[in-house]
Amino acid sequence: MSKRRAVITGLGWVTPLGCALEPTWKRFLTGDSGVEPITRFELTDKYPSRIAGQIADWTGGSIDLNPRALKRIDRFAQFGLSAAIDAVSDAGLDLGKEDPFACGVLVGSGIGGIEEFEQGHAKMLNKGPDRTSPFMIPKLMINAASGNISIYYKIRGVNNATVTACASGGHAIGCAYDQIINGNAEVILAGGAEAAVTPLGVACFMTMRALSTRNDEPHRASRPFDVDRDGFVIAEGAGVVVLEEYERAKARGARIYAELCGYGMTGDGGHITAPDEQGTGAARAMVNALKMAGINKEQIGYINAHATSTSLGDLAENRAIQSVFPDAAKHLAISSTKSMIGHTLGASGGIESVICALALSNGCLPPTINLENPEDECNLNCVANQAQEHDIAYAMNNNFGFGGHNVSLVFGKV
C-alpha cells in the first residue's frame, strides 16, 4: 500500500493587506505595508505603542449568516470562518456532498476571544453579574473558530484547536497532516485565527516591552533582521488551507497548490517568553521537518521565517537557520512577511502557509521590507525589500511561540 499524501487544494485568508486571495498576494509581492495607526479603540497617552496590522471595515467577510447569528461569534472566530469559507470555495469543494465524518477542522489560536472577555468583564463590573451575556463563553473560548467552522459546514470528523501561542496555526496544520496521512480524514480545514488588537491585548504586550514604538512611521515599524528593529507590530487576521488526500484530489481534478510533506515540533524547555539564544530547539524542529519530509537540506529553496522584528527572536532564528543550513547564503532565500502585516500571533502559521503554497505555485518569493541595515550575524539572502523570482521545489515555514513551542512545516511542489 502506497503512502498517503496530503496536498493543499484551497487557500483562504483575512489579512491587514486584504482578504481576496490574488489581490492580497499581489500586495505581498509588491512589498505593501498594512501597518497603520490603531483605530479599533480610543488610545490614551499611556499607550507608547499606537500601531497595528488591523482588518479595516470588517463586516463579516465571506460569512453569509444573518447579523444576529454573526453577533454571536467573536471577531477572531469570524476571521477564521471567513478564511475557511474562501478556502473551501477556492478548492471547488461542496462539503454538503462529502461524508461529514471524513472531513475535519483544525484551527488554532493563541489568545482567542479576548475582545469578548474584555467587554463582558466590563459589563459585569458596571451592570452586575446577572447582565453577563450567556454567549460570552461560547464566543471567547479558543476553540470557537474551529467549532463554528465545523457547525457551518456540518463537519463531523476531527474538530480540534491547537493553543501554542504564536505557533498555534503551524501546529494545527501539522496535526491536520497526521490525520490525512493516517487515514483518519480525507479533507481537513486547517490554520489559525487571531484578533488581539484590543485595549487589553495591546497593553499586555506593551508592558512586556515587546511592541514597536515607531508610531510616526508605521509602515517602517516592522523590520525583521534589521539592526534598528525595536519590537513587533501586533496584528490580527486568519489563514486557512484545505488539506486533501492526494489521490482523491487528483481524481476529482482539483488544482493542487503544493504538498505538505512533513513537519517538526520541539520545545525549548527554557523560558516562558524568551527563545533559546542559540535557537537549538528551533533548529531541531527544522531538522525533524526535513527528516519527515524525506528530503535533504539542499532541496529547501525558501523559508518563510517566524522573524517578528524582536531583538532576541530574530537573532535566535538566524542562528538556528545557519546551523541547519550552513551553506544557506548560497542557495536559500529567506523572508519575513510579518514585515508587511505585523505579527498575527496564532494566525501566523495559517497565513504563512498560504504564502508558501503561493510561492511554490507561482515561483515568486515575497520580500522582507524595511531591511535597510541587516543584523551583523545575518549574511543570508533575506529577499530584502523586493520580491525575487525563484523556481523552488520545497519551502519551509517556521513558527515559534511563548512557552518554547517550535514548529516547522515543509511544503513541496507537486
Protein backbone atom coordinates (compact mmCIF):
# COMPACT_ATOMS: atom_id res chain seq x y z
CA MET A 1 0.00 0.00 0.00
CA SER A 2 1.47 3.33 -1.05
CA LYS A 3 1.85 6.10 1.50
CA ARG A 4 -0.98 8.59 1.66
CA ARG A 5 -0.09 12.18 0.82
CA ALA A 6 -1.57 15.49 1.98
CA VAL A 7 -1.91 18.30 -0.57
CA ILE A 8 -3.25 21.85 -0.43
CA THR A 9 -6.19 22.42 -2.76
CA GLY A 10 -7.73 25.57 -1.30
CA LEU A 11 -6.49 28.80 0.26
CA GLY A 12 -8.25 31.48 2.29
CA TRP A 13 -7.12 34.36 4.47
CA VAL A 14 -8.01 37.56 6.26
CA THR A 15 -5.02 39.92 6.47
CA PRO A 16 -4.24 43.62 7.01
CA LEU A 17 -3.42 43.72 3.27
CA GLY A 18 -6.80 42.33 2.23
CA CYS A 19 -8.91 39.19 2.13
CA ALA A 20 -9.27 38.34 -1.57
CA LEU A 21 -6.61 35.76 -2.45
CA GLU A 22 -4.97 37.07 -5.63
CA PRO A 23 -5.14 40.86 -4.97
CA THR A 24 -3.73 40.35 -1.49
CA TRP A 25 -0.94 38.12 -2.81
CA LYS A 26 0.00 40.83 -5.31
CA ARG A 27 0.27 43.33 -2.45
CA PHE A 28 2.61 40.97 -0.61
CA LEU A 29 4.78 40.70 -3.72
CA THR A 30 4.95 44.47 -4.21
CA GLY A 31 6.02 44.98 -0.59
CA ASP A 32 3.00 46.94 0.59
CA SER A 33 2.50 47.54 4.29
CA GLY A 34 -0.74 47.03 6.17
CA VAL A 35 0.53 48.57 9.40
CA GLU A 36 -1.37 51.72 10.40
CA PRO A 37 -2.18 53.80 13.50
CA ILE A 38 -4.63 51.94 15.72
CA THR A 39 -8.23 52.96 15.07
CA ARG A 40 -10.09 49.99 16.60
CA PHE A 41 -10.25 51.65 20.02
CA GLU A 42 -9.51 55.02 21.59
CA LEU A 43 -5.90 55.32 22.63
CA THR A 44 -4.64 57.27 25.63
CA ASP A 45 -1.22 58.77 26.24
CA LYS A 46 -0.44 55.70 28.35
CA TYR A 47 -0.02 53.59 25.19
CA PRO A 48 3.58 54.02 23.94
CA SER A 49 2.77 51.68 21.03
CA ARG A 50 -0.02 53.05 18.82
CA ILE A 51 0.24 51.00 15.63
CA ALA A 52 -1.09 47.64 14.44
CA GLY A 53 -1.97 45.50 11.47
CA GLN A 54 -5.77 45.83 11.55
CA ILE A 55 -8.60 44.45 9.44
CA ALA A 56 -10.31 47.62 8.29
CA ASP A 57 -14.11 47.95 7.97
CA TRP A 58 -14.78 44.33 8.93
CA THR A 59 -18.42 43.30 8.48
CA GLY A 60 -18.09 39.53 8.36
CA GLY A 61 -16.15 38.94 5.15
CA SER A 62 -17.48 35.92 3.26
CA ILE A 63 -19.75 34.74 6.08
CA ASP A 64 -23.36 34.57 4.88
CA LEU A 65 -25.06 34.46 8.29
CA ASN A 66 -27.71 36.93 9.45
CA PRO A 67 -26.50 39.80 11.66
CA ARG A 68 -27.95 38.23 14.81
CA ALA A 69 -26.10 34.95 14.26
CA LEU A 70 -22.88 36.76 13.31
CA LYS A 71 -23.03 38.81 16.50
CA ARG A 72 -22.77 35.59 18.50
CA ILE A 73 -19.34 34.84 17.02
CA ASP A 74 -16.26 36.69 18.29
CA ARG A 75 -14.14 38.66 15.86
CA PHE A 76 -11.28 36.14 15.81
CA ALA A 77 -13.67 33.26 15.05
CA GLN A 78 -15.32 35.34 12.32
CA PHE A 79 -11.90 35.75 10.72
CA GLY A 80 -11.33 32.01 10.88
CA LEU A 81 -14.76 31.16 9.48
CA SER A 82 -14.47 33.66 6.62
CA ALA A 83 -10.99 32.36 5.68
CA ALA A 84 -12.33 28.78 5.77
CA ILE A 85 -15.28 29.67 3.52
CA ASP A 86 -12.90 31.25 1.00
CA ALA A 87 -10.57 28.24 1.15
CA VAL A 88 -13.41 25.78 0.52
CA SER A 89 -14.66 27.90 -2.39
CA ASP A 90 -11.13 28.11 -3.81
CA ALA A 91 -10.83 24.32 -3.58
CA GLY A 92 -14.05 23.85 -5.55
CA LEU A 93 -15.49 21.62 -2.84
CA ASP A 94 -19.13 21.09 -1.95
CA LEU A 95 -18.79 19.83 1.60
CA GLY A 96 -22.51 19.18 1.74
CA LYS A 97 -21.91 16.26 -0.62
CA GLU A 98 -18.96 14.83 1.31
CA ASP A 99 -19.00 12.24 4.08
CA PRO A 100 -19.10 14.53 7.14
CA PHE A 101 -17.10 12.03 9.19
CA ALA A 102 -14.31 12.04 6.58
CA CYS A 103 -13.88 15.82 6.89
CA GLY A 104 -12.32 17.73 9.76
CA VAL A 105 -11.35 21.11 11.17
CA LEU A 106 -8.13 22.04 12.98
CA VAL A 107 -7.90 25.81 13.51
CA GLY A 108 -5.85 27.17 16.38
CA SER A 109 -5.46 30.48 18.16
CA GLY A 110 -3.02 31.83 20.69
CA ILE A 111 -5.40 34.10 22.58
CA GLY A 112 -8.92 33.55 21.28
CA GLY A 113 -11.81 35.88 22.10
CA ILE A 114 -10.01 38.48 24.17
CA GLU A 115 -12.33 41.24 22.90
CA GLU A 116 -15.36 39.37 24.23
CA PHE A 117 -13.56 38.78 27.53
CA GLU A 118 -12.78 42.48 27.94
CA GLN A 119 -16.26 43.68 27.05
CA GLY A 120 -18.01 41.01 29.12
CA HIS A 121 -15.88 41.70 32.15
CA ALA A 122 -16.56 45.44 31.92
CA LYS A 123 -20.30 44.77 31.61
CA MET A 124 -20.27 42.55 34.69
CA LEU A 125 -18.45 45.20 36.75
CA ASN A 126 -20.63 48.07 35.56
CA LYS A 127 -24.05 46.41 35.41
CA GLY A 128 -23.78 43.36 37.62
CA PRO A 129 -23.21 39.61 37.13
CA ASP A 130 -26.80 38.98 36.05
CA ARG A 131 -26.20 41.10 32.95
CA THR A 132 -23.32 38.90 31.74
CA SER A 133 -24.07 37.52 28.29
CA PRO A 134 -24.87 33.79 28.03
CA PHE A 135 -22.91 33.87 24.77
CA MET A 136 -19.73 35.10 26.44
CA ILE A 137 -18.10 31.68 26.98
CA PRO A 138 -19.01 30.30 23.51
CA LYS A 139 -17.54 33.45 22.00
CA LEU A 140 -14.28 33.76 23.93
CA MET A 141 -13.23 30.09 24.03
CA ILE A 142 -10.21 29.43 21.84
CA ASN A 143 -11.88 26.51 20.06
CA ALA A 144 -14.69 28.82 18.87
CA ALA A 145 -13.13 29.27 15.43
CA SER A 146 -12.81 25.54 14.82
CA GLY A 147 -16.23 24.86 16.34
CA ASN A 148 -18.04 27.46 14.25
CA ILE A 149 -16.40 26.23 11.04
CA SER A 150 -17.47 22.68 11.88
CA ILE A 151 -21.04 23.82 12.57
CA TYR A 152 -21.23 25.96 9.44
CA TYR A 153 -20.29 23.01 7.20
CA LYS A 154 -21.81 20.28 9.41
CA ILE A 155 -18.40 18.61 9.58
CA ARG A 156 -18.39 15.67 11.99
CA GLY A 157 -14.85 14.35 11.77
CA VAL A 158 -11.90 15.62 13.81
CA ASN A 159 -12.70 19.04 15.30
CA ASN A 160 -9.86 20.47 17.34
CA ALA A 161 -7.98 23.65 18.21
CA THR A 162 -4.28 23.95 18.98
CA VAL A 163 -3.21 26.52 21.57
CA THR A 164 0.54 27.12 21.47
CA ALA A 165 0.77 30.91 21.36
CA CYS A 166 2.28 32.10 18.08
CA ALA A 167 2.91 28.53 16.93
CA SER A 168 -0.81 27.63 17.09
CA GLY A 169 -1.57 27.87 13.35
CA GLY A 170 1.52 25.90 12.39
CA HIS A 171 0.77 23.20 14.93
CA ALA A 172 -2.81 22.93 13.65
CA ILE A 173 -1.61 22.32 10.10
CA GLY A 174 0.95 19.77 11.26
CA CYS A 175 -1.72 17.90 13.24
CA ALA A 176 -4.00 18.00 10.19
CA TYR A 177 -1.25 16.36 8.17
CA ASP A 178 -1.25 13.45 10.60
CA GLN A 179 -5.00 12.99 10.23
CA ILE A 180 -4.73 12.80 6.45
CA ILE A 181 -1.63 10.57 6.36
CA ASN A 182 -3.02 8.14 8.96
CA GLY A 183 -6.29 7.73 7.09
CA ASN A 184 -8.49 9.40 9.70
CA ALA A 185 -9.70 12.06 7.27
CA GLU A 186 -9.87 12.86 3.56
CA VAL A 187 -10.33 16.64 3.83
CA ILE A 188 -9.32 18.98 6.66
CA LEU A 189 -9.63 22.76 7.01
CA ALA A 190 -6.55 23.83 8.95
CA GLY A 191 -4.91 27.06 10.09
CA GLY A 192 -5.13 29.80 12.69
CA ALA A 193 -7.09 32.90 13.65
CA GLU A 194 -6.42 35.84 15.96
CA ALA A 195 -7.94 39.20 16.91
CA ALA A 196 -5.94 40.64 19.80
CA VAL A 197 -5.78 44.28 18.67
CA THR A 198 -7.79 45.34 21.71
CA PRO A 199 -7.08 47.66 24.65
CA LEU A 200 -6.03 44.75 26.88
CA GLY A 201 -4.23 42.82 24.15
CA VAL A 202 -2.06 45.79 23.19
CA ALA A 203 -1.50 46.77 26.84
CA CYS A 204 -0.27 43.31 27.81
CA PHE A 205 2.32 43.06 25.05
CA MET A 206 3.23 46.71 25.60
CA THR A 207 4.09 46.23 29.27
CA MET A 208 6.29 43.29 28.24
CA ARG A 209 8.17 45.81 26.08
CA ALA A 210 7.59 43.57 23.10
CA LEU A 211 5.97 46.11 20.76
CA SER A 212 7.49 48.62 18.36
CA THR A 213 7.01 52.28 19.27
CA ARG A 214 7.86 53.61 15.82
CA ASN A 215 4.48 55.35 15.76
CA ASP A 216 5.49 58.14 13.41
CA GLU A 217 6.48 55.64 10.70
CA PRO A 218 4.02 52.74 10.97
CA HIS A 219 4.86 51.33 7.53
CA ARG A 220 8.52 51.10 8.55
CA ALA A 221 7.96 49.77 12.07
CA SER A 222 8.13 46.03 11.43
CA ARG A 223 11.70 45.37 10.30
CA PRO A 224 12.81 41.76 10.84
CA PHE A 225 16.57 41.09 10.80
CA ASP A 226 17.32 44.85 10.76
CA VAL A 227 19.60 46.27 13.46
CA ASP A 228 17.12 49.10 14.07
CA ARG A 229 14.18 46.83 14.95
CA ASP A 230 12.53 47.75 18.23
CA GLY A 231 9.82 45.13 18.69
CA PHE A 232 6.98 43.52 16.81
CA VAL A 233 3.80 45.12 15.50
CA ILE A 234 0.69 43.40 16.80
CA ALA A 235 -1.74 42.33 14.08
CA GLU A 236 -4.95 40.37 13.53
CA GLY A 237 -6.21 38.02 10.85
CA ALA A 238 -6.60 34.38 9.84
CA GLY A 239 -5.25 31.85 7.36
CA VAL A 240 -6.86 28.53 6.44
CA VAL A 241 -5.80 25.88 3.94
CA VAL A 242 -7.77 22.93 2.60
CA LEU A 243 -5.69 19.81 3.08
CA GLU A 244 -6.82 16.88 0.99
CA GLU A 245 -5.61 13.35 0.36
CA TYR A 246 -3.60 13.43 -2.87
CA GLU A 247 -5.19 10.58 -4.84
CA ARG A 248 -8.64 11.86 -4.01
CA ALA A 249 -7.73 15.41 -5.04
CA LYS A 250 -6.18 14.18 -8.29
CA ALA A 251 -9.23 12.02 -9.08
CA ARG A 252 -11.60 14.98 -8.82
CA GLY A 253 -9.33 17.17 -10.93
CA ALA A 254 -8.53 19.61 -8.16
CA ARG A 255 -5.95 22.35 -8.57
CA ILE A 256 -3.06 21.45 -6.26
CA TYR A 257 -1.02 24.37 -4.94
CA ALA A 258 1.52 22.33 -3.00
CA GLU A 259 2.07 19.22 -0.94
CA LEU A 260 2.53 19.31 2.81
CA CYS A 261 5.47 16.93 3.04
CA GLY A 262 6.16 16.89 6.76
CA TYR A 263 6.69 18.87 9.92
CA GLY A 264 8.87 19.08 13.02
CA MET A 265 7.82 20.06 16.54
CA THR A 266 10.07 20.72 19.54
CA GLY A 267 10.21 22.67 22.80
CA ASP A 268 12.90 24.97 24.16
CA GLY A 269 12.46 23.92 27.78
CA GLY A 270 13.96 27.23 28.83
CA HIS A 271 11.96 30.41 29.38
CA ILE A 272 8.26 31.18 29.18
CA THR A 273 8.76 34.06 26.71
CA ALA A 274 12.41 34.34 25.65
CA PRO A 275 13.71 31.98 22.96
CA ASP A 276 16.79 29.82 23.30
CA GLU A 277 19.55 32.28 22.31
CA GLN A 278 21.21 29.76 20.01
CA GLY A 279 17.93 28.61 18.53
CA THR A 280 18.66 24.98 19.41
CA GLY A 281 15.02 23.92 19.68
CA ALA A 282 14.08 25.80 16.53
CA ALA A 283 16.94 24.15 14.65
CA ARG A 284 15.83 20.68 15.75
CA ALA A 285 12.28 21.42 14.59
CA MET A 286 13.64 22.22 11.13
CA VAL A 287 15.81 19.08 11.11
CA ASN A 288 12.84 16.94 12.16
CA ALA A 289 10.68 18.50 9.43
CA LEU A 290 13.28 17.67 6.79
CA LYS A 291 13.52 14.11 8.09
CA MET A 292 9.76 13.56 7.99
CA ALA A 293 9.57 15.07 4.50
CA GLY A 294 12.33 12.71 3.36
CA ILE A 295 14.43 15.42 1.74
CA ASN A 296 17.87 16.88 2.33
CA LYS A 297 18.54 20.44 3.42
CA GLU A 298 19.89 21.48 0.00
CA GLN A 299 16.45 20.93 -1.52
CA ILE A 300 14.82 23.73 0.51
CA GLY A 301 14.73 26.85 -1.65
CA TYR A 302 12.75 29.22 0.56
CA ILE A 303 12.00 29.73 4.24
CA ASN A 304 9.17 31.94 5.41
CA ALA A 305 10.74 32.90 8.71
CA HIS A 306 8.99 33.42 12.00
CA ALA A 307 11.11 36.57 12.47
CA THR A 308 8.82 39.06 14.19
CA SER A 309 11.18 42.06 14.43
CA THR A 310 12.24 41.45 18.04
CA SER A 311 15.85 41.65 19.14
CA LEU A 312 16.15 38.18 20.66
CA GLY A 313 13.80 36.24 18.40
CA ASP A 314 15.21 37.27 15.04
CA LEU A 315 18.77 36.62 16.12
CA ALA A 316 17.93 33.19 17.57
CA GLU A 317 16.14 32.14 14.39
CA ASN A 318 19.01 33.40 12.24
CA ARG A 319 21.42 31.28 14.26
CA ALA A 320 19.10 28.27 14.01
CA ILE A 321 18.82 28.58 10.23
CA GLN A 322 22.56 28.93 9.78
CA SER A 323 23.21 25.89 11.97
CA VAL A 324 20.83 23.72 9.91
CA PHE A 325 21.74 25.26 6.55
CA PRO A 326 25.45 26.16 6.78
CA ASP A 327 25.55 26.96 3.06
CA ALA A 328 22.27 28.87 3.16
CA ALA A 329 23.71 32.10 1.79
CA LYS A 330 24.50 30.30 -1.48
CA HIS A 331 21.18 28.62 -2.26
CA LEU A 332 18.46 29.60 0.20
CA ALA A 333 16.10 32.60 0.20
CA ILE A 334 14.50 33.69 3.48
CA SER A 335 11.88 36.34 4.08
CA SER A 336 9.62 37.50 6.88
CA THR A 337 6.24 38.60 5.58
CA LYS A 338 5.49 39.95 9.06
CA SER A 339 7.43 42.99 7.86
CA MET A 340 4.33 43.87 5.81
CA ILE A 341 1.41 42.93 8.04
CA GLY A 342 2.84 42.72 11.55
CA HIS A 343 2.64 39.68 13.78
CA THR A 344 -0.75 37.94 13.71
CA LEU A 345 0.24 35.71 16.64
CA GLY A 346 -1.65 32.38 16.47
CA ALA A 347 -2.82 33.10 12.92
CA SER A 348 0.74 33.38 11.58
CA GLY A 349 1.15 29.72 10.65
CA GLY A 350 -2.07 29.75 8.66
CA ILE A 351 -1.33 32.95 6.75
CA GLU A 352 2.28 31.99 6.07
CA SER A 353 1.31 28.52 4.87
CA VAL A 354 -0.90 30.22 2.29
CA ILE A 355 2.14 32.31 1.30
CA CYS A 356 4.38 29.23 0.99
CA ALA A 357 1.80 27.48 -1.19
CA LEU A 358 1.54 30.52 -3.47
CA ALA A 359 5.32 30.95 -3.62
CA LEU A 360 5.70 27.33 -4.75
CA SER A 361 2.94 27.52 -7.34
CA ASN A 362 3.94 30.94 -8.70
CA GLY A 363 7.72 30.86 -8.42
CA CYS A 364 7.86 34.25 -6.75
CA LEU A 365 9.06 34.99 -3.21
CA PRO A 366 7.68 37.92 -1.19
CA PRO A 367 10.18 40.35 0.32
CA THR A 368 11.27 41.35 3.78
CA ILE A 369 10.56 45.05 3.65
CA ASN A 370 12.31 47.69 5.80
CA LEU A 371 15.52 45.66 5.77
CA GLU A 372 17.99 48.53 5.45
CA ASN A 373 20.77 47.61 7.89
CA PRO A 374 20.94 43.82 8.32
CA GLU A 375 21.96 42.32 11.65
CA ASP A 376 25.73 41.72 11.67
CA GLU A 377 25.29 37.96 12.04
CA CYS A 378 22.73 37.81 9.24
CA ASN A 379 24.53 37.28 5.94
CA LEU A 380 21.62 35.40 4.34
CA ASN A 381 19.52 36.23 1.31
CA CYS A 382 16.58 37.77 3.17
CA VAL A 383 14.84 38.91 -0.04
CA ALA A 384 15.41 42.50 1.05
CA ASN A 385 12.72 44.97 0.00
CA GLN A 386 11.88 43.48 -3.39
CA ALA A 387 10.30 40.16 -4.38
CA GLN A 388 12.52 37.62 -6.12
CA GLU A 389 11.61 35.10 -8.78
CA HIS A 390 12.78 31.59 -7.93
CA ASP A 391 11.54 28.26 -9.22
CA ILE A 392 11.75 26.42 -5.91
CA ALA A 393 10.92 22.78 -5.24
CA TYR A 394 10.45 22.98 -1.46
CA ALA A 395 9.60 25.70 1.04
CA MET A 396 9.62 25.79 4.84
CA ASN A 397 7.58 27.84 7.30
CA ASN A 398 8.77 28.42 10.87
CA ASN A 399 6.51 29.32 13.79
CA PHE A 400 7.72 29.77 17.35
CA GLY A 401 5.63 30.69 20.38
CA PHE A 402 5.80 31.77 24.00
CA GLY A 403 6.18 28.70 26.16
CA GLY A 404 9.06 27.49 24.00
CA HIS A 405 6.90 25.98 21.26
CA ASN A 406 8.59 25.40 17.89
CA VAL A 407 7.09 24.06 14.67
CA SER A 408 8.45 23.89 11.13
CA LEU A 409 6.39 22.84 8.11
CA VAL A 410 7.82 21.64 4.78
CA PHE A 411 5.86 22.18 1.57
CA GLY A 412 6.74 20.81 -1.85
CA LYS A 413 5.78 21.45 -5.43
CA VAL A 414 3.54 18.80 -6.99
